[in-house]
C-alpha atoms as a PDB file:
ATOM      1  CA  MET A   1      -9.919 -22.688   5.748  1.00  0.00           C
ATOM      2  CA  ARG A   2     -10.269 -22.727   9.562  1.00  0.00           C
ATOM      3  CA  ARG A   3      -9.484 -19.012   9.639  1.00  0.00           C
ATOM      4  CA  GLU A   4     -12.144 -18.240   7.061  1.00  0.00           C
ATOM      5  CA  LEU A   5     -14.740 -20.284   8.964  1.00  0.00           C
ATOM      6  CA  ARG A   6     -13.916 -18.405  12.150  1.00  0.00           C
ATOM      7  CA  ALA A   7     -14.419 -15.095  10.311  1.00  0.00           C
ATOM      8  CA  ILE A   8     -17.851 -16.245   9.091  1.00  0.00           C
ATOM      9  CA  LYS A   9     -18.738 -17.341  12.635  1.00  0.00           C
ATOM     10  CA  TRP A  10     -17.830 -13.883  13.945  1.00  0.00           C
ATOM     11  CA  LEU A  11     -19.865 -12.123  11.259  1.00  0.00           C
ATOM     12  CA  LEU A  12     -22.990 -14.170  11.931  1.00  0.00           C
ATOM     13  CA  LYS A  13     -22.789 -13.847  15.713  1.00  0.00           C
ATOM     14  CA  SER A  14     -22.173 -10.107  15.545  1.00  0.00           C
ATOM     15  CA  TYR A  15     -25.238  -9.476  13.420  1.00  0.00           C
ATOM     16  CA  LEU A  16     -27.474 -11.890  15.300  1.00  0.00           C
ATOM     17  CA  ASP A  17     -26.402 -10.860  18.788  1.00  0.00           C
ATOM     18  CA  TYR A  18     -24.194  -8.174  20.350  1.00  0.00           C
ATOM     19  CA  ASP A  19     -20.963  -6.906  18.759  1.00  0.00           C
ATOM     20  CA  ARG A  20     -18.401  -9.703  18.954  1.00  0.00           C
ATOM     21  CA  PRO A  21     -14.665  -9.039  18.685  1.00  0.00           C
ATOM     22  CA  VAL A  22     -12.936 -10.109  15.492  1.00  0.00           C
ATOM     23  CA  TYR A  23      -9.597  -8.504  16.386  1.00  0.00           C
ATOM     24  CA  GLY A  24      -7.552  -9.331  19.477  1.00  0.00           C
ATOM     25  CA  SER A  25      -4.682  -7.129  20.643  1.00  0.00           C
ATOM     26  CA  PHE A  26      -2.566  -9.142  23.092  1.00  0.00           C
ATOM     27  CA  LYS A  27       0.121  -7.188  24.927  1.00  0.00           C
ATOM     28  CA  VAL A  28       2.431 -10.079  25.752  1.00  0.00           C
ATOM     29  CA  THR A  29       4.637  -7.733  27.795  1.00  0.00           C
ATOM     30  CA  HIS A  30       4.635  -4.149  29.036  1.00  0.00           C
ATOM     31  CA  ARG A  31       8.415  -4.095  29.091  1.00  0.00           C
ATOM     32  CA  CYS A  32      10.000  -1.899  26.435  1.00  0.00           C
ATOM     33  CA  ASN A  33      13.478  -0.720  25.496  1.00  0.00           C
ATOM     34  CA  MET A  34      12.141   2.684  24.391  1.00  0.00           C
ATOM     35  CA  ARG A  35      10.385   5.610  26.082  1.00  0.00           C
ATOM     36  CA  CYS A  36       8.121   7.147  23.431  1.00  0.00           C
ATOM     37  CA  PRO A  37       6.347  10.419  24.315  1.00  0.00           C
ATOM     38  CA  PHE A  38       2.960   9.325  22.915  1.00  0.00           C
ATOM     39  CA  CYS A  39       2.927   5.935  24.675  1.00  0.00           C
ATOM     40  CA  ASN A  40       2.598   5.087  28.350  1.00  0.00           C
ATOM     41  CA  VAL A  41       2.601   1.287  28.113  1.00  0.00           C
ATOM     42  CA  TRP A  42       6.158   1.019  29.430  1.00  0.00           C
ATOM     43  CA  ARG A  43       5.124   2.882  32.596  1.00  0.00           C
ATOM     44  CA  GLN A  44       2.709   0.120  33.576  1.00  0.00           C
ATOM     45  CA  LYS A  45       3.969  -2.491  36.018  1.00  0.00           C
ATOM     46  CA  THR A  46       1.662  -5.364  35.057  1.00  0.00           C
ATOM     47  CA  ARG A  47       3.422  -8.717  35.348  1.00  0.00           C
ATOM     48  CA  ASP A  48       4.181 -10.867  32.324  1.00  0.00           C
ATOM     49  CA  LEU A  49       2.525 -14.255  32.086  1.00  0.00           C
ATOM     50  CA  SER A  50       4.596 -17.425  31.893  1.00  0.00           C
ATOM     51  CA  THR A  51       4.794 -19.244  28.566  1.00  0.00           C
ATOM     52  CA  LYS A  52       2.175 -21.773  29.670  1.00  0.00           C
ATOM     53  CA  GLU A  53      -0.140 -18.992  30.847  1.00  0.00           C
ATOM     54  CA  VAL A  54       0.219 -17.189  27.507  1.00  0.00           C
ATOM     55  CA  PHE A  55      -0.725 -20.432  25.770  1.00  0.00           C
ATOM     56  CA  ARG A  56      -3.834 -20.693  27.980  1.00  0.00           C
ATOM     57  CA  VAL A  57      -4.866 -17.164  26.989  1.00  0.00           C
ATOM     58  CA  ILE A  58      -4.388 -18.005  23.307  1.00  0.00           C
ATOM     59  CA  ASP A  59      -6.478 -21.157  23.774  1.00  0.00           C
ATOM     60  CA  LYS A  60      -9.290 -19.046  25.232  1.00  0.00           C
ATOM     61  CA  LEU A  61      -9.107 -16.736  22.208  1.00  0.00           C
ATOM     62  CA  THR A  62      -9.199 -19.772  19.909  1.00  0.00           C
ATOM     63  CA  GLU A  63     -12.591 -20.684  21.405  1.00  0.00           C
ATOM     64  CA  SER A  64     -13.934 -17.179  20.690  1.00  0.00           C
ATOM     65  CA  THR A  65     -14.833 -15.218  17.546  1.00  0.00           C
ATOM     66  CA  VAL A  66     -11.413 -13.524  17.463  1.00  0.00           C
ATOM     67  CA  THR A  67      -9.969 -14.183  14.012  1.00  0.00           C
ATOM     68  CA  VAL A  68      -7.111 -11.676  13.793  1.00  0.00           C
ATOM     69  CA  LEU A  69      -4.536 -11.742  16.587  1.00  0.00           C
ATOM     70  CA  SER A  70      -1.885  -9.080  17.050  1.00  0.00           C
ATOM     71  CA  LEU A  71       0.974  -9.766  19.473  1.00  0.00           C
ATOM     72  CA  GLU A  72       2.154  -6.474  20.912  1.00  0.00           C
ATOM     73  CA  GLY A  73       3.844  -4.777  23.840  1.00  0.00           C
ATOM     74  CA  GLY A  74       5.767  -3.003  25.131  1.00  0.00           C
ATOM     75  CA  GLU A  75       8.326  -4.673  22.950  1.00  0.00           C
ATOM     76  CA  PRO A  76       7.320  -8.329  22.402  1.00  0.00           C
ATOM     77  CA  THR A  77      10.765  -9.383  21.193  1.00  0.00           C
ATOM     78  CA  LEU A  78      12.097  -8.790  24.723  1.00  0.00           C
ATOM     79  CA  ARG A  79      10.407 -12.063  25.652  1.00  0.00           C
ATOM     80  CA  LYS A  80      12.821 -14.955  25.214  1.00  0.00           C
ATOM     81  CA  ASP A  81       9.915 -17.241  24.330  1.00  0.00           C
ATOM     82  CA  ILE A  82       8.380 -14.971  21.692  1.00  0.00           C
ATOM     83  CA  LEU A  83       9.065 -17.374  18.794  1.00  0.00           C
ATOM     84  CA  ASP A  84       7.348 -20.191  20.720  1.00  0.00           C
ATOM     85  CA  ILE A  85       4.358 -17.895  21.334  1.00  0.00           C
ATOM     86  CA  VAL A  86       4.177 -16.900  17.663  1.00  0.00           C
ATOM     87  CA  LYS A  87       4.296 -20.539  16.548  1.00  0.00           C
ATOM     88  CA  TYR A  88       1.634 -21.556  19.077  1.00  0.00           C
ATOM     89  CA  ALA A  89      -0.731 -18.806  17.924  1.00  0.00           C
ATOM     90  CA  HIS A  90      -0.092 -19.640  14.268  1.00  0.00           C
ATOM     91  CA  ASP A  91      -0.958 -23.295  14.854  1.00  0.00           C
ATOM     92  CA  ARG A  92      -4.346 -22.202  16.211  1.00  0.00           C
ATOM     93  CA  SER A  93      -5.275 -20.664  12.847  1.00  0.00           C
ATOM     94  CA  PHE A  94      -5.321 -16.930  13.534  1.00  0.00           C
ATOM     95  CA  TYR A  95      -4.476 -14.264  11.010  1.00  0.00           C
ATOM     96  CA  LEU A  96      -1.325 -13.370  12.898  1.00  0.00           C
ATOM     97  CA  PHE A  97       0.691 -10.173  13.265  1.00  0.00           C
ATOM     98  CA  MET A  98       3.392  -8.988  15.612  1.00  0.00           C
ATOM     99  CA  THR A  99       4.240  -5.347  16.281  1.00  0.00           C
ATOM    100  CA  THR A 100       7.806  -4.344  17.129  1.00  0.00           C
ATOM    101  CA  ASN A 101       9.789  -1.114  17.306  1.00  0.00           C
ATOM    102  CA  GLY A 102      12.341  -2.816  15.061  1.00  0.00           C
ATOM    103  CA  THR A 103      15.419  -2.008  17.127  1.00  0.00           C
ATOM    104  CA  LEU A 104      16.106  -5.705  17.745  1.00  0.00           C
ATOM    105  CA  LEU A 105      15.354  -7.004  14.237  1.00  0.00           C
ATOM    106  CA  HIS A 106      19.024  -7.698  13.601  1.00  0.00           C
ATOM    107  CA  LYS A 107      18.976 -10.212  16.463  1.00  0.00           C
ATOM    108  CA  LEU A 108      15.863 -12.124  15.354  1.00  0.00           C
ATOM    109  CA  PRO A 109      15.760 -15.282  13.202  1.00  0.00           C
ATOM    110  CA  LEU A 110      13.391 -13.625  10.727  1.00  0.00           C
ATOM    111  CA  ASN A 111      13.339 -16.675   8.462  1.00  0.00           C
ATOM    112  CA  LYS A 112      11.718 -18.610  11.319  1.00  0.00           C
ATOM    113  CA  PHE A 113       9.251 -15.862  12.222  1.00  0.00           C
ATOM    114  CA  SER A 114       8.209 -15.595   8.572  1.00  0.00           C
ATOM    115  CA  LYS A 115       6.896 -19.180   8.679  1.00  0.00           C
ATOM    116  CA  TYR A 116       4.270 -18.215  11.226  1.00  0.00           C
ATOM    117  CA  LEU A 117       3.490 -14.494  10.864  1.00  0.00           C
ATOM    118  CA  ASP A 118       1.223 -13.141   8.134  1.00  0.00           C
ATOM    119  CA  PHE A 119       2.937  -9.776   8.598  1.00  0.00           C
ATOM    120  CA  LEU A 120       5.507  -8.198  10.864  1.00  0.00           C
ATOM    121  CA  HIS A 121       4.454  -4.673  11.841  1.00  0.00           C
ATOM    122  CA  VAL A 122       7.403  -2.362  12.490  1.00  0.00           C
ATOM    123  CA  SER A 123       6.680   0.952  14.233  1.00  0.00           C
ATOM    124  CA  ILE A 124       8.916   3.648  12.757  1.00  0.00           C
ATOM    125  CA  ASP A 125       8.448   7.330  13.565  1.00  0.00           C
ATOM    126  CA  GLU A 126       9.950  10.338  15.295  1.00  0.00           C
ATOM    127  CA  GLY A 127       8.506   9.302  18.638  1.00  0.00           C
ATOM    128  CA  HIS A 128      10.371   6.005  18.524  1.00  0.00           C
ATOM    129  CA  ASN A 129      13.552   7.828  17.494  1.00  0.00           C
ATOM    130  CA  ASN A 130      14.168   5.060  14.957  1.00  0.00           C
ATOM    131  CA  LEU A 131      13.721   6.746  11.572  1.00  0.00           C
ATOM    132  CA  TYR A 132      17.036   5.188  10.529  1.00  0.00           C
ATOM    133  CA  LEU A 133      15.144   1.898  10.110  1.00  0.00           C
ATOM    134  CA  PHE A 134      13.539   3.210   6.913  1.00  0.00           C
ATOM    135  CA  ASP A 135      16.977   2.871   5.307  1.00  0.00           C
ATOM    136  CA  GLU A 136      17.399  -0.675   6.648  1.00  0.00           C
ATOM    137  CA  LEU A 137      14.071  -2.116   5.516  1.00  0.00           C
ATOM    138  CA  LYS A 138      15.558  -3.560   2.323  1.00  0.00           C
ATOM    139  CA  LYS A 139      17.739  -5.843   4.458  1.00  0.00           C
ATOM    140  CA  TYR A 140      14.677  -7.466   5.994  1.00  0.00           C
ATOM    141  CA  THR A 141      11.919  -7.502   3.350  1.00  0.00           C
ATOM    142  CA  PRO A 142      13.437 -10.444   1.398  1.00  0.00           C
ATOM    143  CA  GLU A 143      13.021 -12.560   4.551  1.00  0.00           C
ATOM    144  CA  ILE A 144       9.637 -11.463   5.893  1.00  0.00           C
ATOM    145  CA  LYS A 145       6.571  -9.430   4.880  1.00  0.00           C
ATOM    146  CA  ILE A 146       6.769  -6.076   6.645  1.00  0.00           C
ATOM    147  CA  THR A 147       4.176  -3.393   7.243  1.00  0.00           C
ATOM    148  CA  VAL A 148       5.550  -0.149   8.636  1.00  0.00           C
ATOM    149  CA  GLN A 149       3.351   1.539  11.234  1.00  0.00           C
ATOM    150  CA  THR A 150       3.987   5.239  11.636  1.00  0.00           C
ATOM    151  CA  VAL A 151       2.272   7.743  13.915  1.00  0.00           C
ATOM    152  CA  VAL A 152       1.597  11.112  12.285  1.00  0.00           C
ATOM    153  CA  THR A 153       1.758  14.214  14.494  1.00  0.00           C
ATOM    154  CA  LYS A 154       0.934  17.830  13.711  1.00  0.00           C
ATOM    155  CA  ASN A 155       4.644  18.469  13.146  1.00  0.00           C
ATOM    156  CA  ASP A 156       5.317  15.784  10.550  1.00  0.00           C
ATOM    157  CA  ILE A 157       2.310  15.598   8.214  1.00  0.00           C
ATOM    158  CA  LYS A 158       4.656  16.915   5.527  1.00  0.00           C
ATOM    159  CA  ASP A 159       6.917  13.883   6.073  1.00  0.00           C
ATOM    160  CA  MET A 160       4.281  11.305   5.125  1.00  0.00           C
ATOM    161  CA  ARG A 161       5.338  11.330   1.477  1.00  0.00           C
ATOM    162  CA  TRP A 162       8.975  10.423   1.972  1.00  0.00           C
ATOM    163  CA  LYS A 163       8.011   7.707   4.462  1.00  0.00           C
ATOM    164  CA  VAL A 164       5.631   6.157   1.927  1.00  0.00           C
ATOM    165  CA  GLU A 165       8.330   6.390  -0.749  1.00  0.00           C
ATOM    166  CA  LYS A 166      10.842   4.636   1.525  1.00  0.00           C
ATOM    167  CA  ALA A 167       8.390   1.822   2.250  1.00  0.00           C
ATOM    168  CA  TYR A 168       7.539   1.462  -1.451  1.00  0.00           C
ATOM    169  CA  ASP A 169      11.207   1.296  -2.473  1.00  0.00           C
ATOM    170  CA  ALA A 170      11.876  -1.383   0.152  1.00  0.00           C
ATOM    171  CA  GLY A 171       8.952  -3.560  -0.940  1.00  0.00           C
ATOM    172  CA  ALA A 172       7.152  -2.985   2.358  1.00  0.00           C
ATOM    173  CA  ARG A 173       3.688  -1.636   3.054  1.00  0.00           C
ATOM    174  CA  ILE A 174       2.845   1.248   5.362  1.00  0.00           C
ATOM    175  CA  LEU A 175       0.068   2.108   7.790  1.00  0.00           C
ATOM    176  CA  LEU A 176      -0.220   5.806   8.640  1.00  0.00           C
ATOM    177  CA  MET A 177      -2.264   6.696  11.700  1.00  0.00           C
ATOM    178  CA  PRO A 178      -2.727   9.965  13.587  1.00  0.00           C
ATOM    179  CA  ALA A 179      -1.372  10.581  17.064  1.00  0.00           C
ATOM    180  CA  VAL A 180      -4.342   9.831  19.296  1.00  0.00           C
ATOM    181  CA  ASN A 181      -6.204  12.842  20.627  1.00  0.00           C
ATOM    182  CA  LEU A 182      -6.025  11.914  24.319  1.00  0.00           C
ATOM    183  CA  PRO A 183      -5.478  13.796  27.582  1.00  0.00           C
ATOM    184  CA  GLY A 184      -1.800  14.665  27.825  1.00  0.00           C
ATOM    185  CA  ALA A 185      -1.182  14.136  24.108  1.00  0.00           C
ATOM    186  CA  GLU A 186      -3.583  16.658  22.542  1.00  0.00           C
ATOM    187  CA  SER A 187      -0.692  18.892  21.535  1.00  0.00           C
ATOM    188  CA  MET A 188       0.692  16.149  19.255  1.00  0.00           C
ATOM    189  CA  ALA A 189      -2.516  15.321  17.359  1.00  0.00           C
ATOM    190  CA  PRO A 190      -2.444  16.399  13.688  1.00  0.00           C
ATOM    191  CA  ASP A 191      -5.080  18.493  11.966  1.00  0.00           C
ATOM    192  CA  LYS A 192      -7.383  15.721  10.750  1.00  0.00           C
ATOM    193  CA  ARG A 193      -8.534  17.474   7.581  1.00  0.00           C
ATOM    194  CA  GLU A 194      -4.969  18.261   6.543  1.00  0.00           C
ATOM    195  CA  MET A 195      -3.959  14.640   7.140  1.00  0.00           C
ATOM    196  CA  TYR A 196      -7.014  13.428   5.222  1.00  0.00           C
ATOM    197  CA  GLN A 197      -6.160  15.520   2.164  1.00  0.00           C
ATOM    198  CA  GLU A 198      -2.527  14.408   2.109  1.00  0.00           C
ATOM    199  CA  LEU A 199      -3.401  10.737   2.662  1.00  0.00           C
ATOM    200  CA  MET A 200      -5.931  10.759  -0.173  1.00  0.00           C
ATOM    201  CA  LYS A 201      -3.289  12.139  -2.554  1.00  0.00           C
ATOM    202  CA  LEU A 202      -0.741   9.532  -1.487  1.00  0.00           C
ATOM    203  CA  LYS A 203      -3.229   6.673  -1.699  1.00  0.00           C
ATOM    204  CA  LYS A 204      -4.065   7.571  -5.303  1.00  0.00           C
ATOM    205  CA  GLU A 205      -0.379   7.641  -6.163  1.00  0.00           C
ATOM    206  CA  PHE A 206       0.928   4.624  -4.225  1.00  0.00           C
ATOM    207  CA  GLY A 207      -2.177   2.419  -4.058  1.00  0.00           C
ATOM    208  CA  SER A 208      -1.756  -0.837  -2.141  1.00  0.00           C
ATOM    209  CA  THR A 209       1.534   0.258  -0.564  1.00  0.00           C
ATOM    210  CA  ILE A 210      -0.626   2.237   1.880  1.00  0.00           C
ATOM    211  CA  VAL A 211      -2.744  -0.126   3.994  1.00  0.00           C
ATOM    212  CA  THR A 212      -4.616   2.583   5.903  1.00  0.00           C
ATOM    213  CA  SER A 213      -8.143   1.730   4.757  1.00  0.00           C
ATOM    214  CA  ASP A 214     -10.365   4.116   2.812  1.00  0.00           C
ATOM    215  CA  ALA A 215     -12.986   3.864   5.557  1.00  0.00           C
ATOM    216  CA  PHE A 216     -10.490   4.906   8.220  1.00  0.00           C
ATOM    217  CA  ILE A 217      -9.253   7.806   6.096  1.00  0.00           C
ATOM    218  CA  GLU A 218     -12.859   8.967   5.654  1.00  0.00           C
ATOM    219  CA  SER A 219     -13.367   8.824   9.422  1.00  0.00           C
ATOM    220  CA  LEU A 220     -10.743  11.567   9.762  1.00  0.00           C
ATOM    221  CA  VAL A 221     -13.297  14.048   8.448  1.00  0.00           C
ATOM    222  CA  ASN A 222     -16.622  12.301   9.110  1.00  0.00           C
ATOM    223  CA  HIS A 223     -18.231  11.585  12.460  1.00  0.00           C
ATOM    224  CA  TYR A 224     -18.086   7.967  13.570  1.00  0.00           C
ATOM    225  CA  ARG A 225     -18.969   5.836  16.572  1.00  0.00           C
ATOM    226  CA  CYS A 226     -16.836   2.940  17.728  1.00  0.00           C
ATOM    227  CA  LYS A 227     -18.148  -0.605  17.936  1.00  0.00           C
ATOM    228  CA  SER A 228     -16.725  -3.322  20.158  1.00  0.00           C
ATOM    229  CA  PHE A 229     -15.278  -5.398  17.320  1.00  0.00           C
ATOM    230  CA  SER A 230     -11.879  -5.575  19.023  1.00  0.00           C
ATOM    231  CA  VAL A 231     -10.643  -6.642  22.425  1.00  0.00           C
ATOM    232  CA  MET A 232      -7.444  -5.819  24.314  1.00  0.00           C
ATOM    233  CA  ILE A 233      -5.680  -8.363  26.498  1.00  0.00           C
ATOM    234  CA  GLU A 234      -3.149  -7.049  29.001  1.00  0.00           C
ATOM    235  CA  SER A 235       0.117  -8.840  29.759  1.00  0.00           C
ATOM    236  CA  ASN A 236      -1.437 -10.464  32.863  1.00  0.00           C
ATOM    237  CA  GLY A 237      -4.501 -11.763  30.980  1.00  0.00           C
ATOM    238  CA  ASP A 238      -6.853  -8.940  31.989  1.00  0.00           C
ATOM    239  CA  ILE A 239      -9.497  -7.916  29.461  1.00  0.00           C
ATOM    240  CA  VAL A 240      -9.638  -4.110  29.276  1.00  0.00           C
ATOM    241  CA  TYR A 241     -12.907  -3.263  27.572  1.00  0.00           C
ATOM    242  CA  PRO A 242     -14.188  -1.669  25.390  1.00  0.00           C
ATOM    243  CA  CYS A 243     -10.869   0.149  24.786  1.00  0.00           C
ATOM    244  CA  SER A 244      -7.795   1.433  26.599  1.00  0.00           C
ATOM    245  CA  VAL A 245      -9.107   5.017  26.641  1.00  0.00           C
ATOM    246  CA  ILE A 246     -12.489   4.793  28.357  1.00  0.00           C
ATOM    247  CA  GLY A 247     -12.462   1.117  29.321  1.00  0.00           C
ATOM    248  CA  TRP A 248     -11.656  -0.841  32.458  1.00  0.00           C
ATOM    249  CA  LYS A 249     -10.988  -4.419  33.524  1.00  0.00           C
ATOM    250  CA  VAL A 250     -14.044  -6.611  32.962  1.00  0.00           C
ATOM    251  CA  GLY A 251     -12.414 -10.020  33.505  1.00  0.00           C
ATOM    252  CA  ASN A 252      -9.309 -12.163  33.081  1.00  0.00           C
ATOM    253  CA  LEU A 253      -8.808 -14.901  30.487  1.00  0.00           C
ATOM    254  CA  LEU A 254      -6.970 -17.122  32.964  1.00  0.00           C
ATOM    255  CA  GLU A 255     -10.151 -17.209  35.035  1.00  0.00           C
ATOM    256  CA  ASP A 256     -12.977 -17.304  32.485  1.00  0.00           C
ATOM    257  CA  SER A 257     -13.818 -17.595  28.791  1.00  0.00           C
ATOM    258  CA  LEU A 258     -14.012 -14.500  26.604  1.00  0.00           C
ATOM    259  CA  GLU A 259     -17.645 -15.342  25.843  1.00  0.00           C
ATOM    260  CA  ASN A 260     -18.605 -15.314  29.533  1.00  0.00           C
ATOM    261  CA  ILE A 261     -16.611 -12.154  30.203  1.00  0.00           C
ATOM    262  CA  LEU A 262     -18.306 -10.239  27.381  1.00  0.00           C
ATOM    263  CA  LEU A 263     -21.751 -11.410  28.497  1.00  0.00           C
ATOM    264  CA  SER A 264     -21.162 -10.102  32.022  1.00  0.00           C
ATOM    265  CA  GLU A 265     -23.011  -7.082  33.395  1.00  0.00           C
ATOM    266  CA  GLU A 266     -19.700  -5.225  33.669  1.00  0.00           C
ATOM    267  CA  ALA A 267     -18.976  -5.747  29.958  1.00  0.00           C
ATOM    268  CA  LYS A 268     -22.499  -4.668  29.001  1.00  0.00           C
ATOM    269  CA  LYS A 269     -21.957  -1.497  31.014  1.00  0.00           C
ATOM    270  CA  ALA A 270     -18.662  -0.900  29.176  1.00  0.00           C
ATOM    271  CA  ARG A 271     -20.307  -1.390  25.765  1.00  0.00           C
ATOM    272  CA  ASN A 272     -22.951   1.183  26.622  1.00  0.00           C
ATOM    273  CA  VAL A 273     -20.210   3.655  27.525  1.00  0.00           C
ATOM    274  CA  MET A 274     -18.623   3.071  24.106  1.00  0.00           C
ATOM    275  CA  TYR A 275     -21.901   3.456  22.210  1.00  0.00           C
ATOM    276  CA  ASN A 276     -22.400   6.842  23.890  1.00  0.00           C
ATOM    277  CA  CYS A 277     -18.790   7.999  23.522  1.00  0.00           C
ATOM    278  CA  LYS A 278     -18.267  11.092  21.360  1.00  0.00           C
ATOM    279  CA  ARG A 279     -14.507  11.479  21.783  1.00  0.00           C
ATOM    280  CA  GLU A 280     -13.566  10.443  18.213  1.00  0.00           C
ATOM    281  CA  CYS A 281     -10.022  10.046  19.519  1.00  0.00           C
ATOM    282  CA  MET A 282      -8.941   8.073  16.399  1.00  0.00           C
ATOM    283  CA  LEU A 283      -7.455   5.190  18.371  1.00  0.00           C
ATOM    284  CA  TYR A 284      -6.624   3.153  15.278  1.00  0.00           C
ATOM    285  CA  LEU A 285      -7.584  -0.328  16.415  1.00  0.00           C
ATOM    286  CA  HIS A 286     -11.127   0.654  17.366  1.00  0.00           C
ATOM    287  CA  ALA A 287     -11.750   3.284  14.695  1.00  0.00           C
ATOM    288  CA  GLU A 288     -10.631   0.812  12.016  1.00  0.00           C
ATOM    289  CA  THR A 289     -12.608  -2.234  13.126  1.00  0.00           C
ATOM    290  CA  SER A 290     -15.695  -0.083  13.698  1.00  0.00           C
ATOM    291  CA  GLN A 291     -15.864   0.403   9.935  1.00  0.00           C
ATOM    292  CA  PHE A 292     -16.933  -3.267   9.689  1.00  0.00           C
ATOM    293  CA  ASN A 293     -20.484  -2.153  10.411  1.00  0.00           C
ATOM    294  CA  ASN A 294     -22.052  -3.946   7.485  1.00  0.00           C
ATOM    295  CA  ILE A 295     -21.278  -6.799   5.117  1.00  0.00           C
ATOM    296  CA  TYR A 296     -20.492  -4.390   2.261  1.00  0.00           C
ATOM    297  CA  ASN A 297     -17.769  -2.542   4.193  1.00  0.00           C
ATOM    298  CA  LEU A 298     -16.289  -5.770   5.540  1.00  0.00           C
ATOM    299  CA  GLY A 299     -16.247  -7.400   2.116  1.00  0.00           C
ATOM    300  CA  LYS A 300     -14.725  -4.313   0.512  1.00  0.00           C
ATOM    301  CA  TYR A 301     -11.998  -4.230   3.161  1.00  0.00           C
ATOM    302  CA  ALA A 302     -11.212  -7.939   2.809  1.00  0.00           C
ATOM    303  CA  ILE A 303     -11.069  -7.839  -1.002  1.00  0.00           C
ATOM    304  CA  SER A 304      -8.856  -4.729  -1.105  1.00  0.00           C
ATOM    305  CA  THR A 305      -6.522  -6.298   1.455  1.00  0.00           C
ATOM    306  CA  ILE A 306      -6.212  -9.570  -0.472  1.00  0.00           C
ATOM    307  CA  ILE A 307      -5.597  -7.743  -3.767  1.00  0.00           C
ATOM    308  CA  GLY A 308      -2.978  -5.596  -2.053  1.00  0.00           C
ATOM    309  CA  TYR A 309      -1.116  -8.670  -0.788  1.00  0.00           C
ATOM    310  CA  MET A 310      -1.167 -10.238  -4.256  1.00  0.00           C
ATOM    311  CA  LYS A 311       0.233  -7.107  -5.886  1.00  0.00           C
ATOM    312  CA  ARG A 312       3.219  -6.813  -3.584  1.00  0.00           C
END
């Protein structure tokens, strides 16, 4: 019930005041055991926080409107204390996810992680060079709820079907998102209309197996503007805002509350940059949460998500 109350608090504050974040993406480390061509996180040299410092950051998020917390990297399972972090976040009543490249799943006590995570997100795609994990999913789905995250490039739109089929057969769900249209990666971005058409076909056929929302799929072919309904926390506690593409550091959660940081002049400046941004880069986190622009869309998303969980 505490999670639901926090969600209501976020909704009310966002409509009465400025856009408040409901989704927190916390990069608990920049270290990674892979070198993916469409990701530069591993190149960053930001220090990792200690366990106690991570807990302090989570406490600050607990005091905010953030309701959904995603623990990411880098590769979060490289942290020896990752299970302690997951448990701590769970005990503070977040809807909790963790994203991993899956290469270390065989070393994790998944039965323990499953007590605290709502879903484990496993990134599987050509860029991660880990497509073999599609054939291993069945080993893990009896122990923990898995959502596969896969990045679609212009070269593998045709492969979406077999990836969805693999996830369906394993009892997992799948989130398909386009390679982000950013400087240095433009050549990898798929044709958005072609991806839209294929995704719509697959969604009709496989239903709740595909968790890419209808609103996000529609944004592939319709113009949209991002809202600041999400916040990104770097591995040293920095708040990069409003996003990792056009944003910059506006504060640090070890030094101030999220509320104070987002009320600062620097954060207001960053929000104005986002409201005027016309990139439509399809960065999933921001494009997805920006669809929560009215109670109808938010309610529709929540209901479809709950029904999807019940069906699987």
